[in-house]
Amino acid sequence: MLAVKNLENLIKIENELKAQYEDKLSNQAAEIASGQETIKELEATIAKQQESLLELSNSAADKKRIEQTNRELSNRTNKQQEEIDEQKKRIKTLQKELAEVRAEVKKLNQLDAEKLKKNLVANKKKLAEKTASNDLLQKSINKTKSENNELVREVAELKAKLAELQPEEEAAEESAA
């Protein structure tokens, strides 16, 4: 019987303990349930934060890629600007050369073959006319010289005759005197 009493005491103590600790247990169970809900909420928040971290890391990688692309484009732009400056210098030298070539072409056009032929033909005609007139003048000069020589000879002959006649005239005058 003692065992039954002990058992009853044990059941009584158990019931008392249950009554004492049941409130605590139910409070702790409620706390555990709210803790589990908080854990679920925190896990959801962590999942969201992981997603945003992934997005941020992806956007950081994209940002790095964009920055790299910008650097590459900037370098290309600088190189192209240098090439443009070089091409501008080349264009200026080519324009100078073109101006020189145009001046040379202009000079050569002034010496155009057909114009030169026309000028040559005209100059030959003028030369032929001048040569013909020169020949006529030369003939005229030669004729005038020969006539002048004849006249000089005639004058000399007349002077000689006059010199011969003068002594005779003087003698005739003396005799008449």
N, C-alpha and C. Protein backbone atom coordinates (compact mmCIF):
# COMPACT_ATOMS: atom_id res chain seq x y z
N MET A 1 0.74 -1.14 0.00
CA MET A 1 0.00 0.00 0.00
C MET A 1 0.82 1.25 0.00
N LEU A 2 1.81 1.07 0.52
CA LEU A 2 2.71 2.18 0.53
C LEU A 2 3.07 2.55 -0.91
N ALA A 3 3.13 1.58 -1.66
CA ALA A 3 3.47 1.83 -3.05
C ALA A 3 2.34 2.56 -3.75
N VAL A 4 1.12 2.26 -3.35
CA VAL A 4 0.00 2.91 -3.98
C VAL A 4 -0.01 4.37 -3.50
N LYS A 5 0.31 4.57 -2.27
CA LYS A 5 0.32 5.90 -1.74
C LYS A 5 1.44 6.69 -2.40
N ASN A 6 2.51 6.04 -2.57
CA ASN A 6 3.64 6.69 -3.24
C ASN A 6 3.26 7.04 -4.69
N LEU A 7 2.55 6.10 -5.27
CA LEU A 7 2.13 6.34 -6.64
C LEU A 7 1.14 7.49 -6.67
N GLU A 8 0.25 7.54 -5.74
CA GLU A 8 -0.72 8.61 -5.71
C GLU A 8 -0.02 9.93 -5.45
N ASN A 9 0.94 9.88 -4.54
CA ASN A 9 1.72 11.09 -4.26
C ASN A 9 2.46 11.53 -5.54
N LEU A 10 2.99 10.56 -6.19
CA LEU A 10 3.72 10.87 -7.43
C LEU A 10 2.77 11.46 -8.47
N ILE A 11 1.60 10.92 -8.59
CA ILE A 11 0.63 11.42 -9.57
C ILE A 11 0.21 12.82 -9.14
N LYS A 12 0.01 13.00 -7.85
CA LYS A 12 -0.37 14.29 -7.33
C LYS A 12 0.73 15.30 -7.61
N ILE A 13 1.95 14.94 -7.33
CA ILE A 13 3.10 15.84 -7.57
C ILE A 13 3.21 16.12 -9.08
N GLU A 14 2.95 15.06 -9.81
CA GLU A 14 3.03 15.22 -11.28
C GLU A 14 1.98 16.20 -11.74
N ASN A 15 0.78 16.07 -11.19
CA ASN A 15 -0.30 16.97 -11.59
C ASN A 15 0.00 18.39 -11.14
N GLU A 16 0.57 18.51 -9.93
CA GLU A 16 0.93 19.84 -9.44
C GLU A 16 2.02 20.44 -10.34
N LEU A 17 2.99 19.59 -10.63
CA LEU A 17 4.08 20.07 -11.50
C LEU A 17 3.54 20.42 -12.89
N LYS A 18 2.61 19.57 -13.32
CA LYS A 18 2.03 19.85 -14.64
C LYS A 18 1.30 21.18 -14.60
N ALA A 19 0.56 21.40 -13.52
CA ALA A 19 -0.20 22.61 -13.40
C ALA A 19 0.75 23.81 -13.32
N GLN A 20 1.82 23.65 -12.58
CA GLN A 20 2.79 24.74 -12.45
C GLN A 20 3.49 25.00 -13.78
N TYR A 21 3.93 23.94 -14.33
CA TYR A 21 4.76 24.11 -15.53
C TYR A 21 3.97 24.14 -16.83
N GLU A 22 2.67 23.80 -16.77
CA GLU A 22 1.89 23.80 -18.00
C GLU A 22 1.78 25.22 -18.53
N ASP A 23 1.56 26.18 -17.67
CA ASP A 23 1.51 27.57 -18.13
C ASP A 23 2.86 27.98 -18.72
N LYS A 24 3.89 27.56 -17.99
CA LYS A 24 5.23 27.89 -18.49
C LYS A 24 5.48 27.19 -19.83
N LEU A 25 5.06 25.90 -19.90
CA LEU A 25 5.27 25.14 -21.13
C LEU A 25 4.45 25.72 -22.29
N SER A 26 3.20 26.10 -21.98
CA SER A 26 2.38 26.66 -23.05
C SER A 26 2.94 28.03 -23.47
N ASN A 27 3.43 28.80 -22.49
CA ASN A 27 4.07 30.07 -22.83
C ASN A 27 5.33 29.84 -23.67
N GLN A 28 6.10 28.83 -23.24
CA GLN A 28 7.32 28.53 -24.00
C GLN A 28 6.98 27.98 -25.38
N ALA A 29 5.88 27.15 -25.45
CA ALA A 29 5.46 26.63 -26.75
C ALA A 29 5.02 27.78 -27.65
N ALA A 30 4.30 28.75 -27.02
CA ALA A 30 3.89 29.92 -27.81
C ALA A 30 5.11 30.72 -28.23
N GLU A 31 6.05 30.86 -27.28
CA GLU A 31 7.29 31.57 -27.64
C GLU A 31 8.05 30.84 -28.74
N ILE A 32 8.08 29.50 -28.61
CA ILE A 32 8.76 28.69 -29.65
C ILE A 32 8.06 28.88 -30.98
N ALA A 33 6.72 28.88 -30.97
CA ALA A 33 5.97 29.05 -32.22
C ALA A 33 6.23 30.45 -32.79
N SER A 34 6.19 31.47 -31.92
CA SER A 34 6.46 32.82 -32.43
C SER A 34 7.92 32.94 -32.86
N GLY A 35 8.81 32.26 -32.14
CA GLY A 35 10.23 32.24 -32.53
C GLY A 35 10.41 31.58 -33.89
N GLN A 36 9.63 30.49 -34.10
CA GLN A 36 9.72 29.81 -35.40
C GLN A 36 9.18 30.71 -36.51
N GLU A 37 8.08 31.43 -36.19
CA GLU A 37 7.55 32.37 -37.18
C GLU A 37 8.58 33.47 -37.46
N THR A 38 9.22 33.97 -36.39
CA THR A 38 10.25 35.00 -36.55
C THR A 38 11.41 34.45 -37.37
N ILE A 39 11.75 33.19 -37.08
CA ILE A 39 12.85 32.55 -37.84
C ILE A 39 12.46 32.44 -39.31
N LYS A 40 11.19 32.06 -39.55
CA LYS A 40 10.72 31.97 -40.95
C LYS A 40 10.77 33.34 -41.61
N GLU A 41 10.30 34.36 -40.86
CA GLU A 41 10.35 35.72 -41.41
C GLU A 41 11.79 36.13 -41.66
N LEU A 42 12.66 35.84 -40.71
CA LEU A 42 14.08 36.19 -40.87
C LEU A 42 14.70 35.42 -42.04
N GLU A 43 14.30 34.13 -42.17
CA GLU A 43 14.80 33.35 -43.30
C GLU A 43 14.31 33.96 -44.61
N ALA A 44 13.05 34.40 -44.63
CA ALA A 44 12.51 35.06 -45.83
C ALA A 44 13.28 36.36 -46.09
N THR A 45 13.55 37.11 -45.04
CA THR A 45 14.32 38.36 -45.17
C THR A 45 15.73 38.06 -45.67
N ILE A 46 16.31 37.00 -45.09
CA ILE A 46 17.68 36.61 -45.54
C ILE A 46 17.65 36.19 -47.00
N ALA A 47 16.60 35.44 -47.39
CA ALA A 47 16.48 35.02 -48.79
C ALA A 47 16.37 36.25 -49.69
N LYS A 48 15.53 37.24 -49.26
CA LYS A 48 15.40 38.48 -50.04
C LYS A 48 16.72 39.22 -50.10
N GLN A 49 17.41 39.27 -48.96
CA GLN A 49 18.70 39.96 -48.94
C GLN A 49 19.72 39.24 -49.82
N GLN A 50 19.65 37.88 -49.81
CA GLN A 50 20.55 37.13 -50.69
C GLN A 50 20.25 37.45 -52.16
N GLU A 51 18.94 37.51 -52.48
CA GLU A 51 18.57 37.85 -53.85
C GLU A 51 19.07 39.25 -54.22
N SER A 52 18.85 40.21 -53.28
CA SER A 52 19.33 41.56 -53.60
C SER A 52 20.84 41.61 -53.65
N LEU A 53 21.52 40.81 -52.81
CA LEU A 53 22.98 40.75 -52.89
C LEU A 53 23.41 40.17 -54.23
N LEU A 54 22.70 39.12 -54.67
CA LEU A 54 23.01 38.55 -55.98
C LEU A 54 22.79 39.58 -57.08
N GLU A 55 21.64 40.28 -56.96
CA GLU A 55 21.36 41.33 -57.96
C GLU A 55 22.43 42.41 -57.90
N LEU A 56 22.79 42.81 -56.67
CA LEU A 56 23.82 43.84 -56.53
C LEU A 56 25.16 43.34 -57.06
N SER A 57 25.49 42.07 -56.76
CA SER A 57 26.76 41.56 -57.27
C SER A 57 26.71 41.45 -58.79
N ASN A 58 25.52 41.05 -59.31
CA ASN A 58 25.37 41.02 -60.76
C ASN A 58 25.46 42.42 -61.33
N SER A 59 24.79 43.38 -60.65
CA SER A 59 24.84 44.75 -61.15
C SER A 59 26.25 45.31 -60.98
N ALA A 60 26.97 44.88 -59.91
CA ALA A 60 28.36 45.32 -59.75
C ALA A 60 29.20 44.75 -60.88
N ALA A 61 28.95 43.48 -61.22
CA ALA A 61 29.68 42.89 -62.34
C ALA A 61 29.32 43.61 -63.63
N ASP A 62 28.01 43.90 -63.78
CA ASP A 62 27.59 44.66 -64.96
C ASP A 62 28.23 46.03 -64.96
N LYS A 63 28.27 46.64 -63.77
CA LYS A 63 28.89 47.97 -63.67
C LYS A 63 30.36 47.91 -64.04
N LYS A 64 31.05 46.87 -63.54
CA LYS A 64 32.46 46.71 -63.90
C LYS A 64 32.61 46.49 -65.40
N ARG A 65 31.73 45.67 -65.97
CA ARG A 65 31.77 45.40 -67.40
C ARG A 65 31.51 46.69 -68.18
N ILE A 66 30.53 47.47 -67.69
CA ILE A 66 30.21 48.74 -68.36
C ILE A 66 31.39 49.71 -68.25
N GLU A 67 32.00 49.75 -67.05
CA GLU A 67 33.18 50.62 -66.89
C GLU A 67 34.31 50.19 -67.82
N GLN A 68 34.51 48.88 -67.93
CA GLN A 68 35.55 48.37 -68.83
C GLN A 68 35.21 48.74 -70.27
N THR A 69 33.95 48.57 -70.64
CA THR A 69 33.52 48.94 -71.99
C THR A 69 33.72 50.43 -72.21
N ASN A 70 33.38 51.25 -71.19
CA ASN A 70 33.59 52.69 -71.30
C ASN A 70 35.06 53.03 -71.49
N ARG A 71 35.93 52.37 -70.72
CA ARG A 71 37.37 52.61 -70.89
C ARG A 71 37.82 52.24 -72.30
N GLU A 72 37.35 51.06 -72.76
CA GLU A 72 37.72 50.63 -74.11
C GLU A 72 37.22 51.62 -75.15
N LEU A 73 35.97 52.06 -74.98
CA LEU A 73 35.41 53.02 -75.94
C LEU A 73 36.16 54.35 -75.87
N SER A 74 36.54 54.75 -74.66
CA SER A 74 37.29 56.00 -74.50
C SER A 74 38.65 55.87 -75.20
N ASN A 75 39.30 54.73 -75.01
CA ASN A 75 40.59 54.52 -75.69
C ASN A 75 40.41 54.52 -77.20
N ARG A 76 39.34 53.85 -77.66
CA ARG A 76 39.08 53.83 -79.11
C ARG A 76 38.83 55.24 -79.62
N THR A 77 38.06 56.01 -78.84
CA THR A 77 37.75 57.38 -79.24
C THR A 77 39.03 58.20 -79.34
N ASN A 78 39.91 58.04 -78.35
CA ASN A 78 41.18 58.77 -78.39
C ASN A 78 42.01 58.37 -79.60
N LYS A 79 42.07 57.08 -79.87
CA LYS A 79 42.83 56.60 -81.03
C LYS A 79 42.22 57.14 -82.32
N GLN A 80 40.88 57.10 -82.39
CA GLN A 80 40.23 57.60 -83.60
C GLN A 80 40.44 59.10 -83.75
N GLN A 81 40.45 59.83 -82.63
CA GLN A 81 40.70 61.27 -82.69
C GLN A 81 42.11 61.53 -83.21
N GLU A 82 43.07 60.73 -82.73
CA GLU A 82 44.45 60.87 -83.22
C GLU A 82 44.51 60.55 -84.70
N GLU A 83 43.80 59.50 -85.12
CA GLU A 83 43.78 59.15 -86.54
C GLU A 83 43.14 60.27 -87.35
N ILE A 84 42.08 60.87 -86.80
CA ILE A 84 41.40 61.97 -87.50
C ILE A 84 42.36 63.15 -87.65
N ASP A 85 43.09 63.47 -86.57
CA ASP A 85 44.05 64.57 -86.64
C ASP A 85 45.12 64.27 -87.68
N GLU A 86 45.58 63.02 -87.70
CA GLU A 86 46.59 62.62 -88.69
C GLU A 86 46.03 62.73 -90.11
N GLN A 87 44.77 62.29 -90.28
CA GLN A 87 44.14 62.38 -91.59
C GLN A 87 43.96 63.84 -92.02
N LYS A 88 43.63 64.71 -91.05
CA LYS A 88 43.49 66.14 -91.37
C LYS A 88 44.81 66.70 -91.86
N LYS A 89 45.91 66.33 -91.18
CA LYS A 89 47.22 66.80 -91.61
C LYS A 89 47.52 66.27 -93.01
N ARG A 90 47.19 65.00 -93.22
CA ARG A 90 47.44 64.40 -94.53
C ARG A 90 46.61 65.10 -95.61
N ILE A 91 45.36 65.42 -95.26
CA ILE A 91 44.48 66.12 -96.21
C ILE A 91 45.07 67.48 -96.56
N LYS A 92 45.59 68.19 -95.55
CA LYS A 92 46.19 69.50 -95.82
C LYS A 92 47.38 69.38 -96.75
N THR A 93 48.24 68.38 -96.51
CA THR A 93 49.39 68.22 -97.41
C THR A 93 48.92 67.83 -98.80
N LEU A 94 47.89 66.97 -98.87
CA LEU A 94 47.37 66.58 -100.18
C LEU A 94 46.74 67.77 -100.89
N GLN A 95 46.08 68.67 -100.13
CA GLN A 95 45.50 69.86 -100.75
C GLN A 95 46.59 70.77 -101.28
N LYS A 96 47.69 70.88 -100.53
CA LYS A 96 48.82 71.69 -101.02
C LYS A 96 49.38 71.08 -102.30
N GLU A 97 49.56 69.74 -102.27
CA GLU A 97 50.07 69.07 -103.46
C GLU A 97 49.11 69.25 -104.63
N LEU A 98 47.80 69.16 -104.34
CA LEU A 98 46.80 69.34 -105.39
C LEU A 98 46.88 70.74 -105.98
N ALA A 99 47.06 71.75 -105.11
CA ALA A 99 47.18 73.13 -105.61
C ALA A 99 48.42 73.26 -106.50
N GLU A 100 49.53 72.62 -106.09
CA GLU A 100 50.74 72.67 -106.91
C GLU A 100 50.50 71.98 -108.26
N VAL A 101 49.84 70.83 -108.22
CA VAL A 101 49.57 70.09 -109.46
C VAL A 101 48.64 70.90 -110.36
N ARG A 102 47.64 71.55 -109.75
CA ARG A 102 46.72 72.37 -110.56
C ARG A 102 47.47 73.53 -111.21
N ALA A 103 48.39 74.15 -110.46
CA ALA A 103 49.18 75.23 -111.04
C ALA A 103 50.03 74.71 -112.19
N GLU A 104 50.58 73.52 -112.00
CA GLU A 104 51.40 72.93 -113.06
C GLU A 104 50.53 72.60 -114.27
N VAL A 105 49.33 72.07 -114.03
CA VAL A 105 48.41 71.75 -115.13
C VAL A 105 48.01 73.04 -115.85
N LYS A 106 47.78 74.09 -115.09
CA LYS A 106 47.43 75.37 -115.70
C LYS A 106 48.56 75.85 -116.58
N LYS A 107 49.78 75.73 -116.07
CA LYS A 107 50.94 76.15 -116.84
C LYS A 107 51.06 75.29 -118.11
N LEU A 108 50.82 73.97 -117.94
CA LEU A 108 50.90 73.08 -119.09
C LEU A 108 49.77 73.36 -120.08
N ASN A 109 48.60 73.74 -119.59
CA ASN A 109 47.50 74.07 -120.49
C ASN A 109 47.82 75.33 -121.29
N GLN A 110 48.61 76.22 -120.69
CA GLN A 110 49.03 77.40 -121.43
C GLN A 110 49.95 76.98 -122.57
N LEU A 111 50.64 75.89 -122.37
CA LEU A 111 51.54 75.37 -123.40
C LEU A 111 50.86 74.23 -124.16
N ASP A 112 49.55 74.33 -124.34
CA ASP A 112 48.77 73.31 -125.01
C ASP A 112 49.31 73.11 -126.43
N ALA A 113 49.39 71.86 -126.85
CA ALA A 113 49.98 71.52 -128.14
C ALA A 113 49.22 72.17 -129.31
N GLU A 114 47.90 72.10 -129.28
CA GLU A 114 47.13 72.68 -130.39
C GLU A 114 47.30 74.19 -130.44
N LYS A 115 47.30 74.82 -129.27
CA LYS A 115 47.52 76.26 -129.26
C LYS A 115 48.91 76.58 -129.78
N LEU A 116 49.88 75.76 -129.33
CA LEU A 116 51.25 76.00 -129.80
C LEU A 116 51.34 75.80 -131.32
N LYS A 117 50.64 74.80 -131.86
CA LYS A 117 50.65 74.58 -133.31
C LYS A 117 50.03 75.77 -134.03
N LYS A 118 48.89 76.24 -133.50
CA LYS A 118 48.25 77.40 -134.12
C LYS A 118 49.18 78.60 -134.08
N ASN A 119 49.78 78.81 -132.90
CA ASN A 119 50.73 79.92 -132.77
C ASN A 119 51.91 79.74 -133.71
N LEU A 120 52.39 78.49 -133.84
CA LEU A 120 53.52 78.21 -134.72
C LEU A 120 53.15 78.50 -136.17
N VAL A 121 51.94 78.06 -136.57
CA VAL A 121 51.50 78.30 -137.95
C VAL A 121 51.38 79.81 -138.17
N ALA A 122 50.78 80.52 -137.21
CA ALA A 122 50.62 81.96 -137.36
C ALA A 122 52.00 82.63 -137.40
N ASN A 123 52.89 82.17 -136.53
CA ASN A 123 54.25 82.76 -136.51
C ASN A 123 55.00 82.44 -137.79
N LYS A 124 54.78 81.24 -138.34
CA LYS A 124 55.44 80.90 -139.63
C LYS A 124 54.92 81.80 -140.74
N LYS A 125 53.60 82.04 -140.74
CA LYS A 125 53.04 82.94 -141.76
C LYS A 125 53.63 84.33 -141.61
N LYS A 126 53.66 84.82 -140.35
CA LYS A 126 54.23 86.15 -140.13
C LYS A 126 55.69 86.17 -140.55
N LEU A 127 56.40 85.10 -140.21
CA LEU A 127 57.82 85.02 -140.58
C LEU A 127 57.98 85.00 -142.10
N ALA A 128 57.10 84.23 -142.77
CA ALA A 128 57.17 84.17 -144.24
C ALA A 128 56.89 85.54 -144.83
N GLU A 129 55.87 86.24 -144.29
CA GLU A 129 55.56 87.58 -144.78
C GLU A 129 56.73 88.53 -144.54
N LYS A 130 57.28 88.45 -143.32
CA LYS A 130 58.41 89.32 -143.00
C LYS A 130 59.63 88.97 -143.84
N THR A 131 59.82 87.67 -144.08
CA THR A 131 60.96 87.26 -144.91
C THR A 131 60.76 87.77 -146.33
N ALA A 132 59.52 87.65 -146.84
CA ALA A 132 59.24 88.13 -148.19
C ALA A 132 59.45 89.63 -148.27
N SER A 133 58.90 90.34 -147.25
CA SER A 133 59.09 91.79 -147.28
C SER A 133 60.56 92.14 -147.08
N ASN A 134 61.26 91.35 -146.27
CA ASN A 134 62.70 91.58 -146.07
C ASN A 134 63.47 91.35 -147.37
N ASP A 135 63.08 90.29 -148.09
CA ASP A 135 63.73 90.03 -149.39
C ASP A 135 63.47 91.19 -150.34
N LEU A 136 62.21 91.66 -150.38
CA LEU A 136 61.90 92.80 -151.24
C LEU A 136 62.71 94.03 -150.83
N LEU A 137 62.77 94.25 -149.50
CA LEU A 137 63.57 95.39 -149.04
C LEU A 137 65.05 95.21 -149.38
N GLN A 138 65.53 93.97 -149.24
CA GLN A 138 66.94 93.71 -149.55
C GLN A 138 67.19 93.95 -151.05
N LYS A 139 66.24 93.48 -151.89
CA LYS A 139 66.39 93.72 -153.32
C LYS A 139 66.34 95.21 -153.61
N SER A 140 65.40 95.88 -152.92
CA SER A 140 65.28 97.31 -153.11
C SER A 140 66.56 98.01 -152.66
N ILE A 141 67.11 97.57 -151.52
CA ILE A 141 68.36 98.17 -151.05
C ILE A 141 69.49 97.90 -152.03
N ASN A 142 69.56 96.66 -152.51
CA ASN A 142 70.62 96.32 -153.47
C ASN A 142 70.46 97.14 -154.75
N LYS A 143 69.20 97.27 -155.20
CA LYS A 143 68.95 98.05 -156.40
C LYS A 143 69.33 99.51 -156.15
N THR A 144 68.92 100.01 -154.93
CA THR A 144 69.25 101.40 -154.60
C THR A 144 70.75 101.57 -154.49
N LYS A 145 71.43 100.58 -153.90
CA LYS A 145 72.90 100.66 -153.79
C LYS A 145 73.54 100.66 -155.17
N SER A 146 73.04 99.77 -156.04
CA SER A 146 73.64 99.72 -157.38
C SER A 146 73.36 101.02 -158.14
N GLU A 147 72.10 101.55 -157.97
CA GLU A 147 71.79 102.82 -158.61
C GLU A 147 72.65 103.92 -158.01
N ASN A 148 72.82 103.86 -156.67
CA ASN A 148 73.67 104.85 -156.01
C ASN A 148 75.10 104.74 -156.50
N ASN A 149 75.57 103.47 -156.64
CA ASN A 149 76.94 103.28 -157.16
C ASN A 149 77.05 103.82 -158.58
N GLU A 150 76.02 103.57 -159.39
CA GLU A 150 76.05 104.09 -160.75
C GLU A 150 76.07 105.60 -160.75
N LEU A 151 75.18 106.15 -159.87
CA LEU A 151 75.13 107.61 -159.79
C LEU A 151 76.45 108.16 -159.28
N VAL A 152 77.05 107.48 -158.31
CA VAL A 152 78.36 107.95 -157.80
C VAL A 152 79.37 107.86 -158.93
N ARG A 153 79.33 106.76 -159.69
CA ARG A 153 80.26 106.63 -160.81
C ARG A 153 80.01 107.72 -161.85
N GLU A 154 78.71 107.95 -162.14
CA GLU A 154 78.39 109.00 -163.11
C GLU A 154 78.86 110.35 -162.61
N VAL A 155 78.63 110.59 -161.28
CA VAL A 155 79.08 111.86 -160.71
C VAL A 155 80.60 111.94 -160.84
N ALA A 156 81.29 110.86 -160.61
CA ALA A 156 82.75 110.86 -160.71
C ALA A 156 83.15 111.10 -162.16
N GLU A 157 82.45 110.46 -163.09
CA GLU A 157 82.77 110.68 -164.50
C GLU A 157 82.51 112.14 -164.90
N LEU A 158 81.35 112.64 -164.39
CA LEU A 158 81.02 114.03 -164.72
C LEU A 158 82.05 114.98 -164.12
N LYS A 159 82.51 114.64 -162.89
CA LYS A 159 83.54 115.49 -162.27
C LYS A 159 84.82 115.41 -163.09
N ALA A 160 85.10 114.21 -163.57
CA ALA A 160 86.32 114.07 -164.37
C ALA A 160 86.15 114.85 -165.67
N LYS A 161 84.99 114.75 -166.31
CA LYS A 161 84.77 115.50 -167.53
C LYS A 161 84.81 116.98 -167.23
N LEU A 162 84.23 117.36 -166.09
CA LEU A 162 84.22 118.76 -165.70
C LEU A 162 85.65 119.22 -165.46
N ALA A 163 86.44 118.37 -164.84
CA ALA A 163 87.82 118.76 -164.60
C ALA A 163 88.52 118.90 -165.94
N GLU A 164 88.22 118.07 -166.91
CA GLU A 164 88.84 118.19 -168.23
C GLU A 164 88.32 119.43 -168.93
N LEU A 165 87.03 119.67 -168.77
CA LEU A 165 86.45 120.80 -169.46
C LEU A 165 86.84 122.12 -168.81
N GLN A 166 87.07 122.15 -167.60
CA GLN A 166 87.44 123.38 -166.93
C GLN A 166 88.77 123.90 -167.46
N PRO A 167 89.81 123.10 -167.63
CA PRO A 167 91.02 123.69 -168.16
C PRO A 167 90.76 124.19 -169.59
N GLU A 168 89.92 123.48 -170.32
CA GLU A 168 89.66 123.94 -171.67
C GLU A 168 88.87 125.22 -171.61
N GLU A 169 87.94 125.33 -170.72
CA GLU A 169 87.14 126.51 -170.60
C GLU A 169 88.02 127.68 -170.13
N GLU A 170 88.87 127.42 -169.24
CA GLU A 170 89.76 128.47 -168.77
C GLU A 170 90.65 128.94 -169.96
N ALA A 171 91.08 127.99 -170.73
CA ALA A 171 91.89 128.36 -171.87
C ALA A 171 91.05 129.13 -172.86
N ALA A 172 89.82 128.76 -173.03
CA ALA A 172 88.96 129.46 -173.96
C ALA A 172 88.64 130.84 -173.39
N GLU A 173 88.52 130.97 -172.19
CA GLU A 173 88.25 132.26 -171.57
C GLU A 173 89.51 133.12 -171.66
N GLU A 174 90.58 132.56 -171.50
CA GLU A 174 91.83 133.32 -171.62
C GLU A 174 92.01 133.74 -173.08
N SER A 175 91.69 132.82 -173.93
CA SER A 175 91.84 133.20 -175.31
C SER A 175 90.76 134.21 -175.68
N ALA A 176 89.69 134.17 -175.19
CA ALA A 176 88.67 135.12 -175.49
C ALA A 176 88.96 136.42 -174.74
N ALA A 177 89.68 136.35 -173.83
CA ALA A 177 89.96 137.57 -173.10
C ALA A 177 91.10 138.21 -173.67
